[in-house]
Amino acid sequence: MPGVKTNERPGTKAVLRHGSLSAFKAREVLDLIRGKDADRAAEILANSQREAARVVGKVLASAVANAVANDGLEAEELYVAACFADEGATLKRWRPRARGRATRIRKRTCHITVIVARMDEDRLRQRERRNTTVATAQRSKRVAASRRARREARQSAASEGQSSDRESQMASSDSPAEADQIPVAHVVETGQQPVAEQSSESEPQGDPAEPVAEQSSESEPQGDPAEPVAEQSGPAEHLAPADDDGSDG
């Protein structure tokens, strides 16, 4: 007893009549999606480079839409139960050639049929387990990546802290005044008070705002500078003129 014919299989179908491509080209694409899940078949057709894949993809989308709208099925539970392409009418055309001859051109067409049906329970359970495994693996990868990122962030922060501590230690060793200071942690533990810094330079006494009066090295003249200074005469005996003739006065 023969089995169920291809066009008599149960399910929801969509048919394209008189498609403008040959049945041979359509069959090569239909072989890729036969028996696949509906969503997986759509992905295969979307990534195919053939022109027939675009036409078959539209027929598959129409079949899935018919199953959801007319039969009330879930799109995630559908698979391609059957798909085939029949030859359609062939258009005869003529092309002129040399010496008054003509060559026949055959423009072939085809009828594409896609049937989708609901998967059985065993296949649905297998698909659910597969999806759960894939989801778990993806979640594990995300968790591992996040942990790795946090670990790298902590390591970078620690390395930056060590470099900053090293720079502060080098700066403290370069300045002796800061090296003599007692750390706060040491003061808290031992109770020792930090020693106040002593300035090496002595501060000026008095009010720095008041200017210091300048002292002139030259002594100022006494009295009125306009009046001439009287010449001081020597002893009286030197003032009397001497007689030229030598006679006493």
C-alpha atoms as a PDB file:
ATOM      1  CA  MET A   1       0.000   0.000   0.000  1.00  0.00           C
ATOM      2  CA  PRO A   2       1.543   3.295  -1.050  1.00  0.00           C
ATOM      3  CA  GLY A   3       2.129   5.964   1.549  1.00  0.00           C
ATOM      4  CA  VAL A   4       0.672   9.430   1.739  1.00  0.00           C
ATOM      5  CA  LYS A   5       1.399  11.513  -1.309  1.00  0.00           C
ATOM      6  CA  THR A   6       3.471  14.626  -0.968  1.00  0.00           C
ATOM      7  CA  ASN A   7       0.636  16.974  -1.846  1.00  0.00           C
ATOM      8  CA  GLU A   8      -1.734  15.156   0.531  1.00  0.00           C
ATOM      9  CA  ARG A   9       0.299  15.476   3.719  1.00  0.00           C
ATOM     10  CA  PRO A  10      -1.548  17.061   6.648  1.00  0.00           C
ATOM     11  CA  GLY A  11      -0.645  20.644   7.462  1.00  0.00           C
ATOM     12  CA  THR A  12      -1.086  24.176   6.272  1.00  0.00           C
ATOM     13  CA  LYS A  13       0.262  25.020   2.861  1.00  0.00           C
ATOM     14  CA  ALA A  14       0.972  27.996   0.668  1.00  0.00           C
ATOM     15  CA  VAL A  15       1.309  27.799  -3.123  1.00  0.00           C
ATOM     16  CA  LEU A  16       2.956  30.122  -5.626  1.00  0.00           C
ATOM     17  CA  ARG A  17       1.590  29.744  -9.154  1.00  0.00           C
ATOM     18  CA  HIS A  18       3.592  30.538 -12.294  1.00  0.00           C
ATOM     19  CA  GLY A  19       6.731  31.696 -10.561  1.00  0.00           C
ATOM     20  CA  SER A  20       9.204  33.299 -12.977  1.00  0.00           C
ATOM     21  CA  LEU A  21      11.989  30.768 -12.407  1.00  0.00           C
ATOM     22  CA  SER A  22      12.629  27.202 -13.448  1.00  0.00           C
ATOM     23  CA  ALA A  23      11.608  24.261 -11.281  1.00  0.00           C
ATOM     24  CA  PHE A  24      15.233  23.049 -11.259  1.00  0.00           C
ATOM     25  CA  LYS A  25      16.471  26.233  -9.552  1.00  0.00           C
ATOM     26  CA  ALA A  26      13.593  26.189  -7.051  1.00  0.00           C
ATOM     27  CA  ARG A  27      14.205  22.550  -6.108  1.00  0.00           C
ATOM     28  CA  GLU A  28      17.843  23.236  -5.224  1.00  0.00           C
ATOM     29  CA  VAL A  29      16.688  25.758  -2.632  1.00  0.00           C
ATOM     30  CA  LEU A  30      13.784  23.671  -1.360  1.00  0.00           C
ATOM     31  CA  ASP A  31      16.185  20.820  -0.569  1.00  0.00           C
ATOM     32  CA  LEU A  32      17.893  23.076   1.984  1.00  0.00           C
ATOM     33  CA  ILE A  33      14.802  23.642   4.148  1.00  0.00           C
ATOM     34  CA  ARG A  34      12.943  20.348   3.888  1.00  0.00           C
ATOM     35  CA  GLY A  35      12.288  18.939   7.385  1.00  0.00           C
ATOM     36  CA  LYS A  36      13.790  21.965   9.174  1.00  0.00           C
ATOM     37  CA  ASP A  37      12.072  24.077  11.820  1.00  0.00           C
ATOM     38  CA  ALA A  38      10.216  27.072  10.454  1.00  0.00           C
ATOM     39  CA  ASP A  39      12.463  29.652  12.107  1.00  0.00           C
ATOM     40  CA  ARG A  40      15.619  27.755  11.133  1.00  0.00           C
ATOM     41  CA  ALA A  41      14.395  27.458   7.528  1.00  0.00           C
ATOM     42  CA  ALA A  42      13.759  31.214   7.437  1.00  0.00           C
ATOM     43  CA  GLU A  43      17.334  31.862   8.613  1.00  0.00           C
ATOM     44  CA  ILE A  44      18.758  29.549   5.922  1.00  0.00           C
ATOM     45  CA  LEU A  45      16.809  31.295   3.189  1.00  0.00           C
ATOM     46  CA  ALA A  46      17.747  34.753   4.470  1.00  0.00           C
ATOM     47  CA  ASN A  47      21.468  33.889   4.334  1.00  0.00           C
ATOM     48  CA  SER A  48      21.347  32.263   0.904  1.00  0.00           C
ATOM     49  CA  GLN A  49      22.723  34.122  -2.121  1.00  0.00           C
ATOM     50  CA  ARG A  50      20.348  32.578  -4.662  1.00  0.00           C
ATOM     51  CA  GLU A  51      17.508  34.554  -6.188  1.00  0.00           C
ATOM     52  CA  ALA A  52      15.179  31.551  -5.747  1.00  0.00           C
ATOM     53  CA  ALA A  53      15.728  31.747  -1.952  1.00  0.00           C
ATOM     54  CA  ARG A  54      13.944  35.120  -1.862  1.00  0.00           C
ATOM     55  CA  VAL A  55      10.902  33.677  -3.641  1.00  0.00           C
ATOM     56  CA  VAL A  56      10.798  30.517  -1.508  1.00  0.00           C
ATOM     57  CA  GLY A  57      11.184  32.640   1.650  1.00  0.00           C
ATOM     58  CA  LYS A  58       8.008  34.545   0.777  1.00  0.00           C
ATOM     59  CA  VAL A  59       6.110  31.285   0.246  1.00  0.00           C
ATOM     60  CA  LEU A  60       7.339  29.941   3.607  1.00  0.00           C
ATOM     61  CA  ALA A  61       6.299  33.112   5.409  1.00  0.00           C
ATOM     62  CA  SER A  62       2.852  32.865   3.814  1.00  0.00           C
ATOM     63  CA  ALA A  63       2.478  29.239   4.954  1.00  0.00           C
ATOM     64  CA  VAL A  64       3.443  30.105   8.549  1.00  0.00           C
ATOM     65  CA  ALA A  65       1.015  33.022   8.549  1.00  0.00           C
ATOM     66  CA  ASN A  66      -1.791  30.768   7.307  1.00  0.00           C
ATOM     67  CA  ALA A  67      -1.080  28.228  10.058  1.00  0.00           C
ATOM     68  CA  VAL A  68      -1.150  30.885  12.765  1.00  0.00           C
ATOM     69  CA  ALA A  69      -4.202  32.761  11.493  1.00  0.00           C
ATOM     70  CA  ASN A  70      -6.359  29.898  10.208  1.00  0.00           C
ATOM     71  CA  ASP A  71      -5.378  26.887  12.331  1.00  0.00           C
ATOM     72  CA  GLY A  72      -4.399  28.671  15.561  1.00  0.00           C
ATOM     73  CA  LEU A  73      -0.926  27.084  15.769  1.00  0.00           C
ATOM     74  CA  GLU A  74       2.205  28.563  17.344  1.00  0.00           C
ATOM     75  CA  ALA A  75       4.862  29.764  14.918  1.00  0.00           C
ATOM     76  CA  GLU A  76       7.641  28.352  17.148  1.00  0.00           C
ATOM     77  CA  GLU A  77       6.150  24.834  16.949  1.00  0.00           C
ATOM     78  CA  LEU A  78       5.999  24.601  13.153  1.00  0.00           C
ATOM     79  CA  TYR A  79       8.363  22.817  10.790  1.00  0.00           C
ATOM     80  CA  VAL A  80       8.533  22.315   7.009  1.00  0.00           C
ATOM     81  CA  ALA A  81       6.668  19.045   6.531  1.00  0.00           C
ATOM     82  CA  ALA A  82       6.884  19.080   2.728  1.00  0.00           C
ATOM     83  CA  CYS A  83       8.018  21.375  -0.055  1.00  0.00           C
ATOM     84  CA  PHE A  84       8.172  20.776  -3.792  1.00  0.00           C
ATOM     85  CA  ALA A  85       8.202  22.608  -7.102  1.00  0.00           C
ATOM     86  CA  ASP A  86       6.229  21.602 -10.212  1.00  0.00           C
ATOM     87  CA  GLU A  87       6.889  22.797 -13.725  1.00  0.00           C
ATOM     88  CA  GLY A  88       4.554  25.459 -15.039  1.00  0.00           C
ATOM     89  CA  ALA A  89       3.873  26.849 -18.473  1.00  0.00           C
ATOM     90  CA  THR A  90       6.851  27.647 -20.681  1.00  0.00           C
ATOM     91  CA  LEU A  91       6.803  30.874 -22.680  1.00  0.00           C
ATOM     92  CA  LYS A  92       8.254  30.614 -26.210  1.00  0.00           C
ATOM     93  CA  ARG A  93      10.200  33.553 -27.536  1.00  0.00           C
ATOM     94  CA  TRP A  94      12.501  34.084 -30.516  1.00  0.00           C
ATOM     95  CA  ARG A  95      15.837  35.840 -30.867  1.00  0.00           C
ATOM     96  CA  PRO A  96      17.197  36.930 -34.267  1.00  0.00           C
ATOM     97  CA  ARG A  97      20.567  35.495 -35.256  1.00  0.00           C
ATOM     98  CA  ALA A  98      22.908  35.710 -38.254  1.00  0.00           C
ATOM     99  CA  ARG A  99      21.914  34.943 -41.848  1.00  0.00           C
ATOM    100  CA  GLY A 100      18.245  35.571 -41.158  1.00  0.00           C
ATOM    101  CA  ARG A 101      17.926  32.757 -38.696  1.00  0.00           C
ATOM    102  CA  ALA A 102      16.167  32.779 -35.282  1.00  0.00           C
ATOM    103  CA  THR A 103      16.845  31.009 -31.994  1.00  0.00           C
ATOM    104  CA  ARG A 104      14.137  29.792 -29.633  1.00  0.00           C
ATOM    105  CA  ILE A 105      14.067  31.210 -26.072  1.00  0.00           C
ATOM    106  CA  ARG A 106      12.200  29.194 -23.414  1.00  0.00           C
ATOM    107  CA  LYS A 107      11.072  31.204 -20.392  1.00  0.00           C
ATOM    108  CA  ARG A 108      10.126  28.544 -17.870  1.00  0.00           C
ATOM    109  CA  THR A 109       7.825  28.912 -14.862  1.00  0.00           C
ATOM    110  CA  CYS A 110       7.055  26.712 -11.857  1.00  0.00           C
ATOM    111  CA  HIS A 111       4.548  26.200  -9.064  1.00  0.00           C
ATOM    112  CA  ILE A 112       6.122  26.210  -5.556  1.00  0.00           C
ATOM    113  CA  THR A 113       4.285  24.564  -2.653  1.00  0.00           C
ATOM    114  CA  VAL A 114       5.379  24.690   1.010  1.00  0.00           C
ATOM    115  CA  ILE A 115       3.533  22.703   3.723  1.00  0.00           C
ATOM    116  CA  VAL A 116       4.119  23.417   7.431  1.00  0.00           C
ATOM    117  CA  ALA A 117       2.811  21.328  10.333  1.00  0.00           C
ATOM    118  CA  ARG A 118       3.118  21.167  14.110  1.00  0.00           C
ATOM    119  CA  MET A 119       6.012  19.111  15.476  1.00  0.00           C
ATOM    120  CA  ASP A 120       5.267  15.992  17.539  1.00  0.00           C
ATOM    121  CA  GLU A 121       5.762  15.928  21.300  1.00  0.00           C
ATOM    122  CA  ASP A 122       9.094  14.099  21.214  1.00  0.00           C
ATOM    123  CA  ARG A 123      10.544  16.624  18.813  1.00  0.00           C
ATOM    124  CA  LEU A 124       9.188  19.510  20.870  1.00  0.00           C
ATOM    125  CA  ARG A 125      10.825  18.112  24.023  1.00  0.00           C
ATOM    126  CA  GLN A 126      14.127  17.650  22.223  1.00  0.00           C
ATOM    127  CA  ARG A 127      13.954  21.187  20.921  1.00  0.00           C
ATOM    128  CA  GLU A 128      13.150  22.526  24.375  1.00  0.00           C
ATOM    129  CA  ARG A 129      16.124  20.678  25.876  1.00  0.00           C
ATOM    130  CA  ARG A 130      18.373  21.963  23.110  1.00  0.00           C
ATOM    131  CA  ASN A 131      17.207  25.534  23.612  1.00  0.00           C
ATOM    132  CA  THR A 132      17.708  25.194  27.389  1.00  0.00           C
ATOM    133  CA  THR A 133      21.235  23.867  26.874  1.00  0.00           C
ATOM    134  CA  VAL A 134      22.092  26.674  24.491  1.00  0.00           C
ATOM    135  CA  ALA A 135      20.648  29.282  26.839  1.00  0.00           C
ATOM    136  CA  THR A 136      22.602  27.845  29.785  1.00  0.00           C
ATOM    137  CA  ALA A 137      25.834  27.849  27.792  1.00  0.00           C
ATOM    138  CA  GLN A 138      25.289  31.449  26.713  1.00  0.00           C
ATOM    139  CA  ARG A 139      24.512  32.494  30.286  1.00  0.00           C
ATOM    140  CA  SER A 140      27.675  30.742  31.525  1.00  0.00           C
ATOM    141  CA  LYS A 141      29.733  32.615  28.935  1.00  0.00           C
ATOM    142  CA  ARG A 142      28.202  35.947  29.967  1.00  0.00           C
ATOM    143  CA  VAL A 143      28.839  35.251  33.679  1.00  0.00           C
ATOM    144  CA  ALA A 144      32.436  34.206  32.976  1.00  0.00           C
ATOM    145  CA  ALA A 145      33.003  37.327  30.877  1.00  0.00           C
ATOM    146  CA  SER A 146      31.567  39.602  33.596  1.00  0.00           C
ATOM    147  CA  ARG A 147      33.686  37.927  36.282  1.00  0.00           C
ATOM    148  CA  ARG A 148      36.780  38.272  34.137  1.00  0.00           C
ATOM    149  CA  ALA A 149      36.031  41.966  33.586  1.00  0.00           C
ATOM    150  CA  ARG A 150      35.564  42.574  37.333  1.00  0.00           C
ATOM    151  CA  ARG A 151      38.804  40.710  38.114  1.00  0.00           C
ATOM    152  CA  GLU A 152      40.730  42.778  35.586  1.00  0.00           C
ATOM    153  CA  ALA A 153      39.202  45.978  36.983  1.00  0.00           C
ATOM    154  CA  ARG A 154      40.285  45.035  40.536  1.00  0.00           C
ATOM    155  CA  GLN A 155      43.798  44.180  39.354  1.00  0.00           C
ATOM    156  CA  SER A 156      44.126  47.454  37.481  1.00  0.00           C
ATOM    157  CA  ALA A 157      42.859  49.397  40.505  1.00  0.00           C
ATOM    158  CA  ALA A 158      45.364  47.603  42.756  1.00  0.00           C
ATOM    159  CA  SER A 159      48.232  48.301  40.359  1.00  0.00           C
ATOM    160  CA  GLU A 160      47.249  51.977  40.177  1.00  0.00           C
ATOM    161  CA  GLY A 161      47.140  52.141  43.994  1.00  0.00           C
ATOM    162  CA  GLN A 162      50.596  50.568  44.252  1.00  0.00           C
ATOM    163  CA  SER A 163      52.007  52.995  41.716  1.00  0.00           C
ATOM    164  CA  SER A 164      50.503  55.968  43.560  1.00  0.00           C
ATOM    165  CA  ASP A 165      51.933  54.688  46.877  1.00  0.00           C
ATOM    166  CA  ARG A 166      55.348  54.272  45.262  1.00  0.00           C
ATOM    167  CA  GLU A 167      55.207  57.810  43.883  1.00  0.00           C
ATOM    168  CA  SER A 168      54.207  59.206  47.287  1.00  0.00           C
ATOM    169  CA  GLN A 169      57.075  57.331  48.958  1.00  0.00           C
ATOM    170  CA  MET A 170      59.550  58.665  46.419  1.00  0.00           C
ATOM    171  CA  ALA A 171      58.243  62.193  46.946  1.00  0.00           C
ATOM    172  CA  SER A 172      58.506  61.848  50.744  1.00  0.00           C
ATOM    173  CA  SER A 173      62.078  60.544  50.480  1.00  0.00           C
ATOM    174  CA  ASP A 174      63.034  63.492  48.270  1.00  0.00           C
ATOM    175  CA  SER A 175      61.782  66.137  50.777  1.00  0.00           C
ATOM    176  CA  PRO A 176      63.457  65.751  54.262  1.00  0.00           C
ATOM    177  CA  ALA A 177      60.953  68.054  55.938  1.00  0.00           C
ATOM    178  CA  GLU A 178      58.088  65.728  55.009  1.00  0.00           C
ATOM    179  CA  ALA A 179      60.137  62.653  55.962  1.00  0.00           C
ATOM    180  CA  ASP A 180      60.478  63.947  59.575  1.00  0.00           C
ATOM    181  CA  GLN A 181      56.746  64.122  60.001  1.00  0.00           C
ATOM    182  CA  ILE A 182      55.081  61.357  62.046  1.00  0.00           C
ATOM    183  CA  PRO A 183      52.256  59.524  60.257  1.00  0.00           C
ATOM    184  CA  VAL A 184      48.747  59.839  61.593  1.00  0.00           C
ATOM    185  CA  ALA A 185      48.445  56.057  62.104  1.00  0.00           C
ATOM    186  CA  HIS A 186      51.624  56.080  64.222  1.00  0.00           C
ATOM    187  CA  VAL A 187      50.264  58.976  66.299  1.00  0.00           C
ATOM    188  CA  VAL A 188      47.012  57.109  66.914  1.00  0.00           C
ATOM    189  CA  GLU A 189      48.793  53.879  67.907  1.00  0.00           C
ATOM    190  CA  THR A 190      51.579  55.327  70.105  1.00  0.00           C
ATOM    191  CA  GLY A 191      49.871  58.506  71.289  1.00  0.00           C
ATOM    192  CA  GLN A 192      52.869  60.606  70.226  1.00  0.00           C
ATOM    193  CA  GLN A 193      52.174  64.157  69.145  1.00  0.00           C
ATOM    194  CA  PRO A 194      53.639  65.257  65.835  1.00  0.00           C
ATOM    195  CA  VAL A 195      56.509  67.725  66.050  1.00  0.00           C
ATOM    196  CA  ALA A 196      55.748  71.133  64.630  1.00  0.00           C
ATOM    197  CA  GLU A 197      57.862  72.132  61.688  1.00  0.00           C
ATOM    198  CA  GLN A 198      60.567  74.674  62.452  1.00  0.00           C
ATOM    199  CA  SER A 199      61.476  77.175  59.828  1.00  0.00           C
ATOM    200  CA  SER A 200      65.185  77.308  59.029  1.00  0.00           C
ATOM    201  CA  GLU A 201      65.025  81.011  58.277  1.00  0.00           C
ATOM    202  CA  SER A 202      64.478  83.476  61.127  1.00  0.00           C
ATOM    203  CA  GLU A 203      61.402  85.642  60.824  1.00  0.00           C
ATOM    204  CA  PRO A 204      61.925  89.407  60.982  1.00  0.00           C
ATOM    205  CA  GLN A 205      61.158  91.016  64.365  1.00  0.00           C
ATOM    206  CA  GLY A 206      58.484  93.618  64.758  1.00  0.00           C
ATOM    207  CA  ASP A 207      55.672  94.537  62.504  1.00  0.00           C
ATOM    208  CA  PRO A 208      56.594  93.629  58.929  1.00  0.00           C
ATOM    209  CA  ALA A 209      54.126  96.185  57.648  1.00  0.00           C
ATOM    210  CA  GLU A 210      56.145  99.145  59.032  1.00  0.00           C
ATOM    211  CA  PRO A 211      59.092 100.091  56.804  1.00  0.00           C
ATOM    212  CA  VAL A 212      62.493 100.510  58.415  1.00  0.00           C
ATOM    213  CA  ALA A 213      63.797 104.053  58.324  1.00  0.00           C
ATOM    214  CA  GLU A 214      66.915 104.388  56.224  1.00  0.00           C
ATOM    215  CA  GLN A 215      69.987 105.853  57.880  1.00  0.00           C
ATOM    216  CA  SER A 216      72.056 108.147  55.785  1.00  0.00           C
ATOM    217  CA  SER A 217      75.818 107.688  55.958  1.00  0.00           C
ATOM    218  CA  GLU A 218      76.497 111.415  55.438  1.00  0.00           C
ATOM    219  CA  SER A 219      75.828 113.878  58.268  1.00  0.00           C
ATOM    220  CA  GLU A 220      73.429 116.681  57.475  1.00  0.00           C
ATOM    221  CA  PRO A 221      74.853 120.248  57.813  1.00  0.00           C
ATOM    222  CA  GLN A 222      73.836 122.190  60.991  1.00  0.00           C
ATOM    223  CA  GLY A 223      72.087 125.500  60.800  1.00  0.00           C
ATOM    224  CA  ASP A 224      70.864 127.415  57.838  1.00  0.00           C
ATOM    225  CA  PRO A 225      72.552 126.229  54.682  1.00  0.00           C
ATOM    226  CA  ALA A 226      71.983 129.644  53.094  1.00  0.00           C
ATOM    227  CA  GLU A 227      74.280 131.484  55.561  1.00  0.00           C
ATOM    228  CA  PRO A 228      78.011 131.167  54.908  1.00  0.00           C
ATOM    229  CA  VAL A 229      80.157 129.671  57.564  1.00  0.00           C
ATOM    230  CA  ALA A 230      82.474 132.143  59.313  1.00  0.00           C
ATOM    231  CA  GLU A 231      86.110 131.427  58.934  1.00  0.00           C
ATOM    232  CA  GLN A 232      87.946 130.803  62.155  1.00  0.00           C
ATOM    233  CA  SER A 233      90.996 132.858  62.645  1.00  0.00           C
ATOM    234  CA  GLY A 234      94.156 131.493  64.111  1.00  0.00           C
ATOM    235  CA  PRO A 235      96.139 133.014  67.070  1.00  0.00           C
ATOM    236  CA  ALA A 236      96.525 136.822  67.379  1.00  0.00           C
ATOM    237  CA  GLU A 237     100.238 136.826  66.736  1.00  0.00           C
ATOM    238  CA  HIS A 238      99.772 135.393  63.335  1.00  0.00           C
ATOM    239  CA  LEU A 239      97.179 138.052  62.400  1.00  0.00           C
ATOM    240  CA  ALA A 240      99.372 141.148  62.965  1.00  0.00           C
ATOM    241  CA  PRO A 241     101.204 142.169  59.843  1.00  0.00           C
ATOM    242  CA  ALA A 242     104.997 142.438  60.094  1.00  0.00           C
ATOM    243  CA  ASP A 243     106.767 145.766  59.400  1.00  0.00           C
ATOM    244  CA  ASP A 244     108.890 145.805  56.403  1.00  0.00           C
ATOM    245  CA  ASP A 245     111.339 148.354  57.874  1.00  0.00           C
ATOM    246  CA  GLY A 246     111.811 146.497  61.143  1.00  0.00           C
ATOM    247  CA  SER A 247     110.834 149.595  63.358  1.00  0.00           C
ATOM    248  CA  ASP A 248     108.765 149.025  66.459  1.00  0.00           C
ATOM    249  CA  GLY A 249     105.343 150.599  66.597  1.00  0.00           C
END
